[in-house]
C-alpha atoms as a PDB file:
ATOM      1  CA  MET A   1      60.511  22.744 -23.444  1.00  0.00           C
ATOM      2  CA  ASP A   2      60.215  23.128 -27.174  1.00  0.00           C
ATOM      3  CA  GLU A   3      57.143  25.190 -28.099  1.00  0.00           C
ATOM      4  CA  LYS A   4      56.498  22.700 -30.906  1.00  0.00           C
ATOM      5  CA  VAL A   5      55.434  20.184 -28.247  1.00  0.00           C
ATOM      6  CA  TYR A   6      52.556  22.371 -27.107  1.00  0.00           C
ATOM      7  CA  LYS A   7      51.725  23.510 -30.625  1.00  0.00           C
ATOM      8  CA  LYS A   8      51.333  19.896 -31.738  1.00  0.00           C
ATOM      9  CA  ILE A   9      49.107  19.055 -28.764  1.00  0.00           C
ATOM     10  CA  ARG A  10      46.993  22.176 -29.214  1.00  0.00           C
ATOM     11  CA  THR A  11      46.504  21.411 -32.905  1.00  0.00           C
ATOM     12  CA  TYR A  12      45.707  17.756 -32.305  1.00  0.00           C
ATOM     13  CA  LEU A  13      43.208  18.401 -29.512  1.00  0.00           C
ATOM     14  CA  GLY A  14      41.817  21.577 -31.070  1.00  0.00           C
ATOM     15  CA  LEU A  15      42.268  23.560 -27.855  1.00  0.00           C
ATOM     16  CA  GLU A  16      40.652  26.983 -27.666  1.00  0.00           C
ATOM     17  CA  HIS A  17      42.916  28.361 -24.930  1.00  0.00           C
ATOM     18  CA  ASN A  18      46.622  28.793 -24.213  1.00  0.00           C
ATOM     19  CA  PHE A  19      48.467  26.336 -22.020  1.00  0.00           C
ATOM     20  CA  VAL A  20      49.070  27.909 -18.610  1.00  0.00           C
ATOM     21  CA  GLY A  21      52.522  27.532 -17.071  1.00  0.00           C
ATOM     22  CA  VAL A  22      52.754  27.558 -13.255  1.00  0.00           C
ATOM     23  CA  ARG A  23      56.006  28.081 -11.376  1.00  0.00           C
ATOM     24  CA  ILE A  24      56.212  27.784  -7.588  1.00  0.00           C
ATOM     25  CA  LEU A  25      58.986  29.869  -5.998  1.00  0.00           C
ATOM     26  CA  LYS A  26      60.232  29.586  -2.421  1.00  0.00           C
ATOM     27  CA  THR A  27      62.106  32.885  -2.480  1.00  0.00           C
ATOM     28  CA  GLY A  28      61.700  36.375  -3.920  1.00  0.00           C
ATOM     29  CA  GLU A  29      58.967  38.934  -4.408  1.00  0.00           C
ATOM     30  CA  PRO A  30      56.350  39.313  -7.166  1.00  0.00           C
ATOM     31  CA  ALA A  31      57.231  41.450 -10.179  1.00  0.00           C
ATOM     32  CA  ALA A  32      55.401  44.726  -9.574  1.00  0.00           C
ATOM     33  CA  ASP A  33      54.196  45.083 -13.168  1.00  0.00           C
ATOM     34  CA  LYS A  34      52.601  41.607 -13.204  1.00  0.00           C
ATOM     35  CA  ARG A  35      50.832  41.611  -9.856  1.00  0.00           C
ATOM     36  CA  PRO A  36      47.019  41.601 -10.004  1.00  0.00           C
ATOM     37  CA  LYS A  37      45.551  45.090  -9.657  1.00  0.00           C
ATOM     38  CA  LYS A  38      43.168  43.739  -7.031  1.00  0.00           C
ATOM     39  CA  LYS A  39      42.901  40.535  -5.038  1.00  0.00           C
ATOM     40  CA  MET A  40      41.909  37.582  -7.190  1.00  0.00           C
ATOM     41  CA  ARG A  41      41.261  33.881  -6.925  1.00  0.00           C
ATOM     42  CA  PHE A  42      43.843  31.548  -8.396  1.00  0.00           C
ATOM     43  CA  CYS A  43      41.230  30.031 -10.716  1.00  0.00           C
ATOM     44  CA  GLN A  44      40.410  33.529 -12.004  1.00  0.00           C
ATOM     45  CA  MET A  45      44.048  34.218 -12.792  1.00  0.00           C
ATOM     46  CA  VAL A  46      44.425  30.880 -14.583  1.00  0.00           C
ATOM     47  CA  ARG A  47      41.380  31.665 -16.714  1.00  0.00           C
ATOM     48  CA  GLU A  48      42.841  35.045 -17.716  1.00  0.00           C
ATOM     49  CA  VAL A  49      46.291  33.590 -18.406  1.00  0.00           C
ATOM     50  CA  ALA A  50      44.638  31.051 -20.711  1.00  0.00           C
ATOM     51  CA  ASN A  51      43.576  34.081 -22.757  1.00  0.00           C
ATOM     52  CA  GLY A  52      47.056  35.649 -22.836  1.00  0.00           C
ATOM     53  CA  THR A  53      47.632  37.565 -19.576  1.00  0.00           C
ATOM     54  CA  SER A  54      50.524  36.892 -17.160  1.00  0.00           C
ATOM     55  CA  PHE A  55      50.585  37.189 -13.364  1.00  0.00           C
ATOM     56  CA  THR A  56      53.128  37.029 -10.554  1.00  0.00           C
ATOM     57  CA  PHE A  57      51.638  37.055  -7.073  1.00  0.00           C
ATOM     58  CA  ASN A  58      52.087  36.249  -3.410  1.00  0.00           C
ATOM     59  CA  VAL A  59      49.661  35.429  -0.619  1.00  0.00           C
ATOM     60  CA  ASP A  60      48.585  39.076  -0.258  1.00  0.00           C
ATOM     61  CA  ASP A  61      47.195  39.032  -3.796  1.00  0.00           C
ATOM     62  CA  LEU A  62      44.900  36.053  -3.226  1.00  0.00           C
ATOM     63  CA  ASP A  63      41.193  36.360  -2.497  1.00  0.00           C
ATOM     64  CA  CYS A  64      40.678  32.683  -1.667  1.00  0.00           C
ATOM     65  CA  PRO A  65      41.706  31.129   1.675  1.00  0.00           C
ATOM     66  CA  ASP A  66      41.677  27.647   0.148  1.00  0.00           C
ATOM     67  CA  ALA A  67      44.261  28.624  -2.472  1.00  0.00           C
ATOM     68  CA  MET A  68      46.494  30.144   0.215  1.00  0.00           C
ATOM     69  CA  ILE A  69      46.739  26.697   1.795  1.00  0.00           C
ATOM     70  CA  THR A  70      46.724  24.439  -1.278  1.00  0.00           C
ATOM     71  CA  LEU A  71      49.426  26.472  -3.054  1.00  0.00           C
ATOM     72  CA  GLY A  72      51.670  26.254   0.007  1.00  0.00           C
ATOM     73  CA  PHE A  73      51.593  29.850   1.224  1.00  0.00           C
ATOM     74  CA  GLU A  74      50.057  28.971   4.592  1.00  0.00           C
ATOM     75  CA  GLU A  75      49.588  25.967   6.869  1.00  0.00           C
ATOM     76  CA  PRO A  76      46.074  24.693   7.572  1.00  0.00           C
ATOM     77  CA  LEU A  77      44.494  26.093  10.724  1.00  0.00           C
ATOM     78  CA  PHE A  78      43.922  24.039  13.858  1.00  0.00           C
ATOM     79  CA  GLY A  79      45.823  21.055  12.476  1.00  0.00           C
ATOM     80  CA  GLU A  80      43.204  20.396   9.792  1.00  0.00           C
ATOM     81  CA  ASP A  81      44.359  17.882   7.180  1.00  0.00           C
ATOM     82  CA  VAL A  82      43.708  19.829   3.972  1.00  0.00           C
ATOM     83  CA  GLN A  83      44.440  17.792   0.854  1.00  0.00           C
ATOM     84  CA  PRO A  84      45.698  18.151  -1.761  1.00  0.00           C
ATOM     85  CA  ARG A  85      48.189  20.886  -0.946  1.00  0.00           C
ATOM     86  CA  ILE A  86      51.827  21.780  -1.497  1.00  0.00           C
ATOM     87  CA  ASN A  87      53.652  20.526   1.564  1.00  0.00           C
ATOM     88  CA  PRO A  88      55.756  21.823   3.258  1.00  0.00           C
ATOM     89  CA  SER A  89      54.210  25.285   3.056  1.00  0.00           C
ATOM     90  CA  GLU A  90      57.212  27.260   1.828  1.00  0.00           C
ATOM     91  CA  THR A  91      55.769  29.054  -1.214  1.00  0.00           C
ATOM     92  CA  LYS A  92      56.616  32.750  -1.453  1.00  0.00           C
ATOM     93  CA  VAL A  93      55.683  33.590  -5.044  1.00  0.00           C
ATOM     94  CA  VAL A  94      53.695  31.944  -7.850  1.00  0.00           C
ATOM     95  CA  GLU A  95      54.212  32.842 -11.492  1.00  0.00           C
ATOM     96  CA  LEU A  96      51.527  32.259 -14.134  1.00  0.00           C
ATOM     97  CA  ALA A  97      52.024  32.795 -17.860  1.00  0.00           C
ATOM     98  CA  PRO A  98      51.092  31.360 -21.244  1.00  0.00           C
ATOM     99  CA  ILE A  99      53.522  28.507 -21.813  1.00  0.00           C
ATOM    100  CA  GLU A 100      55.360  30.252 -24.642  1.00  0.00           C
ATOM    101  CA  LYS A 101      56.279  33.045 -22.195  1.00  0.00           C
ATOM    102  CA  MET A 102      57.543  30.811 -19.370  1.00  0.00           C
ATOM    103  CA  GLU A 103      60.720  28.808 -18.976  1.00  0.00           C
ATOM    104  CA  ASN A 104      60.870  25.731 -16.768  1.00  0.00           C
ATOM    105  CA  PRO A 105      57.303  25.598 -15.412  1.00  0.00           C
ATOM    106  CA  ASP A 106      56.615  23.211 -12.555  1.00  0.00           C
ATOM    107  CA  ILE A 107      53.086  22.453 -13.739  1.00  0.00           C
ATOM    108  CA  VAL A 108      51.254  23.104 -17.000  1.00  0.00           C
ATOM    109  CA  LEU A 109      47.470  23.481 -17.071  1.00  0.00           C
ATOM    110  CA  MET A 110      45.087  23.188 -19.973  1.00  0.00           C
ATOM    111  CA  ILE A 111      41.387  23.987 -20.148  1.00  0.00           C
ATOM    112  CA  LEU A 112      39.615  21.399 -22.258  1.00  0.00           C
ATOM    113  CA  ASN A 113      36.318  19.643 -22.804  1.00  0.00           C
ATOM    114  CA  ALA A 114      35.306  16.031 -22.259  1.00  0.00           C
ATOM    115  CA  LYS A 115      36.150  14.915 -25.804  1.00  0.00           C
ATOM    116  CA  GLN A 116      39.599  16.496 -25.606  1.00  0.00           C
ATOM    117  CA  LEU A 117      40.222  14.821 -22.253  1.00  0.00           C
ATOM    118  CA  MET A 118      39.200  11.500 -23.794  1.00  0.00           C
ATOM    119  CA  GLU A 119      41.715  11.987 -26.610  1.00  0.00           C
ATOM    120  CA  THR A 120      44.384  12.944 -24.058  1.00  0.00           C
ATOM    121  CA  ALA A 121      43.752   9.725 -22.134  1.00  0.00           C
ATOM    122  CA  GLN A 122      43.877   7.676 -25.333  1.00  0.00           C
ATOM    123  CA  CYS A 123      47.372   9.023 -25.972  1.00  0.00           C
ATOM    124  CA  LEU A 124      48.693   8.808 -22.414  1.00  0.00           C
ATOM    125  CA  GLY A 125      46.936   5.671 -21.260  1.00  0.00           C
ATOM    126  CA  THR A 126      44.929   5.586 -18.048  1.00  0.00           C
ATOM    127  CA  ILE A 127      44.531   8.947 -16.274  1.00  0.00           C
ATOM    128  CA  GLU A 128      43.417   8.834 -12.662  1.00  0.00           C
ATOM    129  CA  ALA A 129      41.031  11.738 -12.117  1.00  0.00           C
ATOM    130  CA  LYS A 130      40.816  12.619  -8.432  1.00  0.00           C
ATOM    131  CA  PHE A 131      38.335  15.367  -7.618  1.00  0.00           C
ATOM    132  CA  SER A 132      35.904  16.425  -4.924  1.00  0.00           C
ATOM    133  CA  GLY A 133      34.208  19.481  -6.409  1.00  0.00           C
ATOM    134  CA  SER A 134      36.328  21.856  -4.329  1.00  0.00           C
ATOM    135  CA  ARG A 135      39.822  23.385  -4.655  1.00  0.00           C
ATOM    136  CA  ALA A 136      39.776  22.174  -8.246  1.00  0.00           C
ATOM    137  CA  VAL A 137      42.247  24.468 -10.028  1.00  0.00           C
ATOM    138  CA  CYS A 138      44.551  25.373  -7.143  1.00  0.00           C
ATOM    139  CA  GLY A 139      44.514  21.985  -5.417  1.00  0.00           C
ATOM    140  CA  GLU A 140      43.523  19.132  -7.701  1.00  0.00           C
ATOM    141  CA  ALA A 141      45.005  20.500 -10.950  1.00  0.00           C
ATOM    142  CA  THR A 142      48.082  22.255  -9.520  1.00  0.00           C
ATOM    143  CA  ALA A 143      49.089  21.121  -6.022  1.00  0.00           C
ATOM    144  CA  LEU A 144      48.315  17.421  -6.576  1.00  0.00           C
ATOM    145  CA  PRO A 145      50.354  17.057  -9.814  1.00  0.00           C
ATOM    146  CA  TYR A 146      53.109  19.157  -8.213  1.00  0.00           C
ATOM    147  CA  MET A 147      53.368  16.756  -5.282  1.00  0.00           C
ATOM    148  CA  THR A 148      52.813  13.440  -7.110  1.00  0.00           C
ATOM    149  CA  LYS A 149      54.456  14.261 -10.471  1.00  0.00           C
ATOM    150  CA  LYS A 150      51.415  12.681 -12.118  1.00  0.00           C
ATOM    151  CA  PRO A 151      48.618  14.227 -14.234  1.00  0.00           C
ATOM    152  CA  ASN A 152      45.171  14.916 -12.838  1.00  0.00           C
ATOM    153  CA  ALA A 153      41.936  16.157 -14.360  1.00  0.00           C
ATOM    154  CA  ASN A 154      38.739  17.460 -12.806  1.00  0.00           C
ATOM    155  CA  PRO A 155      35.422  19.144 -13.692  1.00  0.00           C
ATOM    156  CA  LEU A 156      36.269  22.334 -11.746  1.00  0.00           C
ATOM    157  CA  CYS A 157      34.580  23.466  -8.546  1.00  0.00           C
ATOM    158  CA  GLY A 158      31.776  25.790  -7.528  1.00  0.00           C
ATOM    159  CA  GLY A 159      34.132  28.692  -6.842  1.00  0.00           C
ATOM    160  CA  ALA A 160      35.817  28.432 -10.233  1.00  0.00           C
ATOM    161  CA  ARG A 161      32.501  28.259 -12.065  1.00  0.00           C
ATOM    162  CA  LYS A 162      30.961  31.095 -10.051  1.00  0.00           C
ATOM    163  CA  TYR A 163      33.822  33.571 -10.021  1.00  0.00           C
ATOM    164  CA  ALA A 164      36.116  32.744 -12.938  1.00  0.00           C
ATOM    165  CA  ASN A 165      33.764  32.578 -15.926  1.00  0.00           C
ATOM    166  CA  TYR A 166      34.488  29.010 -16.977  1.00  0.00           C
ATOM    167  CA  LYS A 167      32.056  27.382 -19.389  1.00  0.00           C
ATOM    168  CA  ASP A 168      29.759  24.580 -18.256  1.00  0.00           C
ATOM    169  CA  THR A 169      31.657  22.242 -20.583  1.00  0.00           C
ATOM    170  CA  ASP A 170      35.123  23.192 -19.305  1.00  0.00           C
ATOM    171  CA  LEU A 171      37.407  20.767 -17.476  1.00  0.00           C
ATOM    172  CA  VAL A 172      40.935  21.414 -16.228  1.00  0.00           C
ATOM    173  CA  PHE A 173      43.959  19.159 -16.665  1.00  0.00           C
ATOM    174  CA  GLY A 174      47.246  19.659 -14.831  1.00  0.00           C
ATOM    175  CA  ALA A 175      50.547  17.830 -15.222  1.00  0.00           C
ATOM    176  CA  PRO A 176      54.326  18.278 -15.081  1.00  0.00           C
ATOM    177  CA  PRO A 177      55.961  19.267 -18.405  1.00  0.00           C
ATOM    178  CA  GLU A 178      57.337  15.777 -19.062  1.00  0.00           C
ATOM    179  CA  ILE A 179      53.777  14.439 -19.306  1.00  0.00           C
ATOM    180  CA  TYR A 180      53.140  16.822 -22.194  1.00  0.00           C
ATOM    181  CA  GLU A 181      56.272  15.573 -23.934  1.00  0.00           C
ATOM    182  CA  LYS A 182      54.848  12.062 -23.756  1.00  0.00           C
ATOM    183  CA  LEU A 183      51.478  13.314 -24.981  1.00  0.00           C
ATOM    184  CA  ALA A 184      53.100  15.041 -27.964  1.00  0.00           C
ATOM    185  CA  GLU A 185      54.993  11.857 -28.846  1.00  0.00           C
ATOM    186  CA  LYS A 186      51.789   9.820 -28.889  1.00  0.00           C
ATOM    187  CA  ALA A 187      49.504  12.395 -30.504  1.00  0.00           C
ATOM    188  CA  PRO A 188      49.143  11.825 -34.258  1.00  0.00           C
ATOM    189  CA  GLY A 189      49.837  14.810 -36.455  1.00  0.00           C
ATOM    190  CA  GLU A 190      47.608  16.086 -39.235  1.00  0.00           C
ATOM    191  CA  ARG A 191      48.583  15.130 -42.768  1.00  0.00           C
ATOM    192  CA  ASP A 192      47.326  15.701 -46.272  1.00  0.00           C
ATOM    193  CA  GLU A 193      47.006  12.200 -47.665  1.00  0.00           C
ATOM    194  CA  PRO A 194      45.058  10.254 -50.261  1.00  0.00           C
ATOM    195  CA  ASP A 195      41.691   8.786 -49.423  1.00  0.00           C
ATOM    196  CA  ILE A 196      41.660   5.366 -47.793  1.00  0.00           C
ATOM    197  CA  ALA A 197      38.809   2.890 -48.119  1.00  0.00           C
ATOM    198  CA  PHE A 198      38.026   0.455 -45.321  1.00  0.00           C
ATOM    199  CA  GLY A 199      35.396  -2.275 -45.273  1.00  0.00           C
ATOM    200  CA  ARG A 200      33.654  -4.386 -47.882  1.00  0.00           C
ATOM    201  CA  SER A 201      33.960  -3.145 -51.434  1.00  0.00           C
ATOM    202  CA  ALA A 202      30.185  -2.669 -51.507  1.00  0.00           C
ATOM    203  CA  ASP A 203      30.154  -0.718 -48.267  1.00  0.00           C
ATOM    204  CA  SER A 204      33.439   1.146 -47.965  1.00  0.00           C
ATOM    205  CA  VAL A 205      34.046   4.169 -45.772  1.00  0.00           C
ATOM    206  CA  ARG A 206      36.400   6.755 -47.183  1.00  0.00           C
ATOM    207  CA  SER A 207      38.474   9.216 -45.238  1.00  0.00           C
ATOM    208  CA  SER A 208      38.538  12.928 -45.915  1.00  0.00           C
ATOM    209  CA  SER A 209      41.729  14.871 -46.554  1.00  0.00           C
ATOM    210  CA  PRO A 210      43.405  16.356 -44.563  1.00  0.00           C
ATOM    211  CA  ARG A 211      42.736  13.926 -41.715  1.00  0.00           C
ATOM    212  CA  ARG A 212      44.293  12.086 -38.787  1.00  0.00           C
ATOM    213  CA  LEU A 213      44.987   8.367 -38.738  1.00  0.00           C
ATOM    214  CA  GLU A 214      44.758   7.731 -35.013  1.00  0.00           C
ATOM    215  CA  ARG A 215      46.380   4.709 -33.381  1.00  0.00           C
ATOM    216  CA  HIS A 216      43.406   4.003 -31.136  1.00  0.00           C
ATOM    217  CA  CYS A 217      41.069   3.994 -34.143  1.00  0.00           C
ATOM    218  CA  LEU A 218      43.289   1.514 -35.948  1.00  0.00           C
ATOM    219  CA  ALA A 219      43.384  -0.664 -32.859  1.00  0.00           C
ATOM    220  CA  ALA A 220      39.596  -0.620 -32.701  1.00  0.00           C
ATOM    221  CA  LEU A 221      39.500  -1.805 -36.303  1.00  0.00           C
ATOM    222  CA  GLY A 222      41.964  -4.597 -35.562  1.00  0.00           C
ATOM    223  CA  ILE A 223      44.649  -3.006 -37.741  1.00  0.00           C
ATOM    224  CA  GLU A 224      48.196  -2.671 -36.482  1.00  0.00           C
ATOM    225  CA  PRO A 225      50.924  -0.425 -37.958  1.00  0.00           C
ATOM    226  CA  ALA A 226      53.875  -2.265 -39.453  1.00  0.00           C
ATOM    227  CA  ASP A 227      56.189  -0.211 -37.227  1.00  0.00           C
ATOM    228  CA  ASP A 228      55.775   1.405 -33.817  1.00  0.00           C
ATOM    229  CA  SER A 229      54.724   4.868 -34.915  1.00  0.00           C
ATOM    230  CA  SER A 230      51.695   7.077 -35.330  1.00  0.00           C
ATOM    231  CA  LEU A 231      51.797   6.443 -39.096  1.00  0.00           C
ATOM    232  CA  PRO A 232      53.837   9.592 -39.866  1.00  0.00           C
ATOM    233  CA  ARG A 233      54.109   9.381 -43.634  1.00  0.00           C
ATOM    234  CA  GLU A 234      54.035  11.531 -46.707  1.00  0.00           C
ATOM    235  CA  PRO A 235      51.294  10.936 -49.290  1.00  0.00           C
ATOM    236  CA  ASP A 236      53.753   9.531 -51.820  1.00  0.00           C
ATOM    237  CA  ARG A 237      55.531   7.181 -49.408  1.00  0.00           C
ATOM    238  CA  PRO A 238      54.675   3.496 -49.949  1.00  0.00           C
ATOM    239  CA  PHE A 239      52.925   2.115 -46.923  1.00  0.00           C
ATOM    240  CA  THR A 240      51.423  -1.209 -45.926  1.00  0.00           C
ATOM    241  CA  VAL A 241      49.525  -2.310 -42.825  1.00  0.00           C
ATOM    242  CA  LYS A 242      48.842  -5.994 -42.242  1.00  0.00           C
ATOM    243  CA  ARG A 243      47.071  -7.923 -39.538  1.00  0.00           C
ATOM    244  CA  GLY A 244      44.697 -10.866 -39.545  1.00  0.00           C
ATOM    245  CA  GLY A 245      44.296 -10.939 -43.305  1.00  0.00           C
ATOM    246  CA  VAL A 246      43.738  -7.160 -43.560  1.00  0.00           C
ATOM    247  CA  GLU A 247      45.985  -5.268 -45.935  1.00  0.00           C
ATOM    248  CA  VAL A 248      45.985  -1.571 -46.778  1.00  0.00           C
ATOM    249  CA  ARG A 249      48.330  -0.078 -49.374  1.00  0.00           C
ATOM    250  CA  SER A 250      48.977   3.461 -50.549  1.00  0.00           C
ATOM    251  CA  ARG A 251      46.879   4.346 -53.608  1.00  0.00           C
ATOM    252  CA  GLU A 252      50.064   5.439 -55.385  1.00  0.00           C
ATOM    253  CA  ALA A 253      50.904   1.774 -55.250  1.00  0.00           C
ATOM    254  CA  GLY A 254      47.117   1.294 -55.525  1.00  0.00           C
ATOM    255  CA  TRP A 255      45.250   1.928 -52.250  1.00  0.00           C
ATOM    256  CA  GLU A 256      43.633  -1.389 -51.454  1.00  0.00           C
ATOM    257  CA  ALA A 257      41.665  -2.637 -48.483  1.00  0.00           C
ATOM    258  CA  GLY A 258      41.006  -6.205 -47.527  1.00  0.00           C
ATOM    259  CA  ASP A 259      37.722  -7.327 -46.018  1.00  0.00           C
ATOM    260  CA  LEU A 260      37.732  -6.217 -42.373  1.00  0.00           C
ATOM    261  CA  PHE A 261      34.975  -8.659 -41.567  1.00  0.00           C
ATOM    262  CA  GLY A 262      36.266 -11.717 -43.368  1.00  0.00           C
END
C-alpha cells in the first residue's frame, strides 16, 4: 500500500508511534538477524516495533502461552474454546515491522488514545470494539481482525500494561490494510486557508490557520458540502456551502457566513 495512506492518517490523527505491520506465514523459518534475543511477549514486540524495531519470530521465541494459541501456533489444550484466535492453527512464522518496511501485511496495528480512536470512528463509521481485558494485542487486535476482516479496538490487557510499557492512556486498534485505505479517503487533510467566520455577526467564531475542516463538524453545524468530498480546496479556489439558508463563501470572493441560528 502507498505509504502516503499511512502518512496522511498519522498526520490527521497526530499519532506518536509507527504503524505496526503484521504478517502471518504458514511456511518458513524466522530470519536469524530479526529474531528476539530472548523470549518476549507479542505485545512487547508490537510496542518496540511501534518505535522502529522489526522482528521475525516463531513459537519458540514467545514468552506468552496465550499468544501461542491466539496467533495460531498451537491448538488450545483439552479442547478449550479459546477465542479469538487464528484458526486453523497453521502459523509457522510471524513478521512484525513498521509499515514502511513491510510489504503486504495481513493486519496493521496502531497505538492511539481515546480521542484518536473517536476521530477514527468518525471517519470509518461505527467500529465494534470487542474486548475482555485479556489477549488484547495478540487476540483482539490481531487474530480477530485477521479472521473477520473487520477492525477492532481495545483498551489493552493486564499483561500488555504490566510487561510491555504501554501508557495508561494507550489503546490498540487493529485492521486489515484496506480499512486504512478507507480511513485515509475519509480523513480530512490539513490546509493553509483563510479564516472562516461562523455564527451571528455579533458572536462569530473564527478558525485558525492552518486548520482542518472536518466533515463531522460541518454535519454537527448543519452545513453540508456542495460536493461529496472532505472540502479539499486551495485558499484561492472559490467555494460555497449551502444548506437551510446557511451560506459560506471564500473571503477572496468575500468570506461570508449566514446566520446559523436563523
